[in-house]
C-alpha atoms as a PDB file:
ATOM      1  CA  MET A   1     -37.748-121.297  26.186  1.00  0.00           C
ATOM      2  CA  ALA A   2     -40.125-118.352  25.642  1.00  0.00           C
ATOM      3  CA  LEU A   3     -38.910-114.835  26.185  1.00  0.00           C
ATOM      4  CA  LYS A   4     -39.670-113.631  29.697  1.00  0.00           C
ATOM      5  CA  ALA A   5     -40.236-109.895  30.152  1.00  0.00           C
ATOM      6  CA  GLY A   6     -40.545-110.190  33.898  1.00  0.00           C
ATOM      7  CA  THR A   7     -42.744-108.630  36.421  1.00  0.00           C
ATOM      8  CA  PRO A   8     -42.151-107.065  39.746  1.00  0.00           C
ATOM      9  CA  SER A   9     -43.124-110.329  41.387  1.00  0.00           C
ATOM     10  CA  ASP A  10     -41.237-112.544  38.912  1.00  0.00           C
ATOM     11  CA  PHE A  11     -38.013-110.655  38.118  1.00  0.00           C
ATOM     12  CA  SER A  12     -35.445-113.489  38.354  1.00  0.00           C
ATOM     13  CA  GLY A  13     -34.170-114.727  34.928  1.00  0.00           C
ATOM     14  CA  SER A  14     -36.048-112.192  32.974  1.00  0.00           C
ATOM     15  CA  MET A  15     -35.205-109.649  30.315  1.00  0.00           C
ATOM     16  CA  ALA A  16     -36.025-106.983  32.930  1.00  0.00           C
ATOM     17  CA  GLU A  17     -33.365-108.404  35.159  1.00  0.00           C
ATOM     18  CA  ALA A  18     -30.897-108.439  32.368  1.00  0.00           C
ATOM     19  CA  ILE A  19     -31.634-104.817  31.617  1.00  0.00           C
ATOM     20  CA  GLN A  20     -31.187-103.831  35.246  1.00  0.00           C
ATOM     21  CA  THR A  21     -27.794-105.710  35.184  1.00  0.00           C
ATOM     22  CA  ALA A  22     -26.708-103.875  32.142  1.00  0.00           C
ATOM     23  CA  PHE A  23     -27.723-100.511  33.601  1.00  0.00           C
ATOM     24  CA  THR A  24     -25.736-101.278  36.701  1.00  0.00           C
ATOM     25  CA  ASN A  25     -22.784-102.507  34.815  1.00  0.00           C
ATOM     26  CA  HIS A  26     -22.542 -99.239  32.633  1.00  0.00           C
ATOM     27  CA  TYR A  27     -23.688 -96.705  34.999  1.00  0.00           C
ATOM     28  CA  GLN A  28     -20.191 -95.822  36.435  1.00  0.00           C
ATOM     29  CA  GLU A  29     -18.688 -95.518  33.044  1.00  0.00           C
ATOM     30  CA  VAL A  30     -21.310 -93.083  31.848  1.00  0.00           C
ATOM     31  CA  MET A  31     -22.353 -91.215  34.953  1.00  0.00           C
ATOM     32  CA  GLY A  32     -18.959 -91.161  36.740  1.00  0.00           C
ATOM     33  CA  SER A  33     -20.429 -92.562  40.007  1.00  0.00           C
ATOM     34  CA  ALA A  34     -21.714 -95.696  41.503  1.00  0.00           C
ATOM     35  CA  ALA A  35     -25.123 -96.922  40.331  1.00  0.00           C
ATOM     36  CA  PRO A  36     -27.995 -96.014  42.645  1.00  0.00           C
ATOM     37  CA  PRO A  37     -29.373 -98.815  44.754  1.00  0.00           C
ATOM     38  CA  PRO A  38     -32.245-100.672  43.003  1.00  0.00           C
ATOM     39  CA  SER A  39     -35.754 -99.168  43.598  1.00  0.00           C
ATOM     40  CA  LYS A  40     -39.346-100.059  42.790  1.00  0.00           C
ATOM     41  CA  GLN A  41     -39.397 -97.181  40.385  1.00  0.00           C
ATOM     42  CA  MET A  42     -36.260 -98.510  38.434  1.00  0.00           C
ATOM     43  CA  GLN A  43     -37.644-101.990  38.461  1.00  0.00           C
ATOM     44  CA  LEU A  44     -40.931-100.831  37.115  1.00  0.00           C
ATOM     45  CA  LEU A  45     -39.019 -99.012  34.229  1.00  0.00           C
ATOM     46  CA  PHE A  46     -36.978-102.248  33.565  1.00  0.00           C
ATOM     47  CA  VAL A  47     -40.147-104.316  33.389  1.00  0.00           C
ATOM     48  CA  ALA A  48     -41.929-101.827  31.184  1.00  0.00           C
ATOM     49  CA  VAL A  49     -39.058-101.610  28.657  1.00  0.00           C
ATOM     50  CA  ALA A  50     -38.756-105.475  28.590  1.00  0.00           C
ATOM     51  CA  GLU A  51     -42.537-105.974  28.154  1.00  0.00           C
ATOM     52  CA  GLY A  52     -42.504-103.337  25.382  1.00  0.00           C
ATOM     53  CA  VAL A  53     -39.605-104.864  23.493  1.00  0.00           C
ATOM     54  CA  ILE A  54     -41.049-108.410  23.745  1.00  0.00           C
ATOM     55  CA  ASN A  55     -44.608-107.283  22.628  1.00  0.00           C
ATOM     56  CA  HIS A  56     -43.032-105.332  19.746  1.00  0.00           C
ATOM     57  CA  LEU A  57     -41.003-108.408  18.632  1.00  0.00           C
ATOM     58  CA  LYS A  58     -44.136-110.607  18.908  1.00  0.00           C
ATOM     59  CA  ALA A  59     -46.216-108.177  16.898  1.00  0.00           C
ATOM     60  CA  HIS A  60     -43.564-108.131  14.033  1.00  0.00           C
ATOM     61  CA  PRO A  61     -42.128-111.589  13.434  1.00  0.00           C
ATOM     62  CA  GLU A  62     -41.794-110.725   9.739  1.00  0.00           C
ATOM     63  CA  ALA A  63     -38.899-108.502  10.656  1.00  0.00           C
ATOM     64  CA  PHE A  64     -36.827-111.740  11.235  1.00  0.00           C
ATOM     65  CA  LYS A  65     -35.632-113.518   8.169  1.00  0.00           C
ATOM     66  CA  VAL A  66     -34.164-117.142   8.553  1.00  0.00           C
ATOM     67  CA  LYS A  67     -32.448-118.408   5.501  1.00  0.00           C
ATOM     68  CA  THR A  68     -31.345-122.064   5.405  1.00  0.00           C
ATOM     69  CA  THR A  69     -30.913-124.835   2.861  1.00  0.00           C
ATOM     70  CA  PHE A  70     -32.214-128.339   2.584  1.00  0.00           C
ATOM     71  CA  ASN A  71     -29.667-131.170   2.449  1.00  0.00           C
ATOM     72  CA  ASP A  72     -29.826-130.875  -1.455  1.00  0.00           C
ATOM     73  CA  GLY A  73     -28.752-127.283  -1.370  1.00  0.00           C
ATOM     74  CA  THR A  74     -32.221-125.885  -2.181  1.00  0.00           C
ATOM     75  CA  PRO A  75     -32.675-122.675  -0.363  1.00  0.00           C
ATOM     76  CA  TYR A  76     -35.614-122.396   2.183  1.00  0.00           C
ATOM     77  CA  ASP A  77     -36.965-119.413   4.032  1.00  0.00           C
ATOM     78  CA  GLY A  78     -37.806-120.407   7.630  1.00  0.00           C
ATOM     79  CA  VAL A  79     -40.445-119.011   9.742  1.00  0.00           C
ATOM     80  CA  VAL A  80     -39.861-117.317  13.128  1.00  0.00           C
ATOM     81  CA  GLU A  81     -42.445-117.783  15.942  1.00  0.00           C
ATOM     82  CA  ILE A  82     -41.762-115.687  19.065  1.00  0.00           C
ATOM     83  CA  SER A  83     -43.196-116.835  22.351  1.00  0.00           C
END
């Protein structure tokens, strides 16, 4: 499954939705009051953050190192492709 940043019109199951959920879950602990109701401005922020994170990850796949071994124990460096 490809990473899904999300858009205002396709928010469900996206990284943006996960960021909104985390924001809501931690708001009370940090701010001392209930989280504000969702708004278009907040959704735009969550979409922008998610899109920025995913675009950055796609632009820098070399930052991920996958080390594995063949059945004979020979080490092998895998390749990461982020979609």
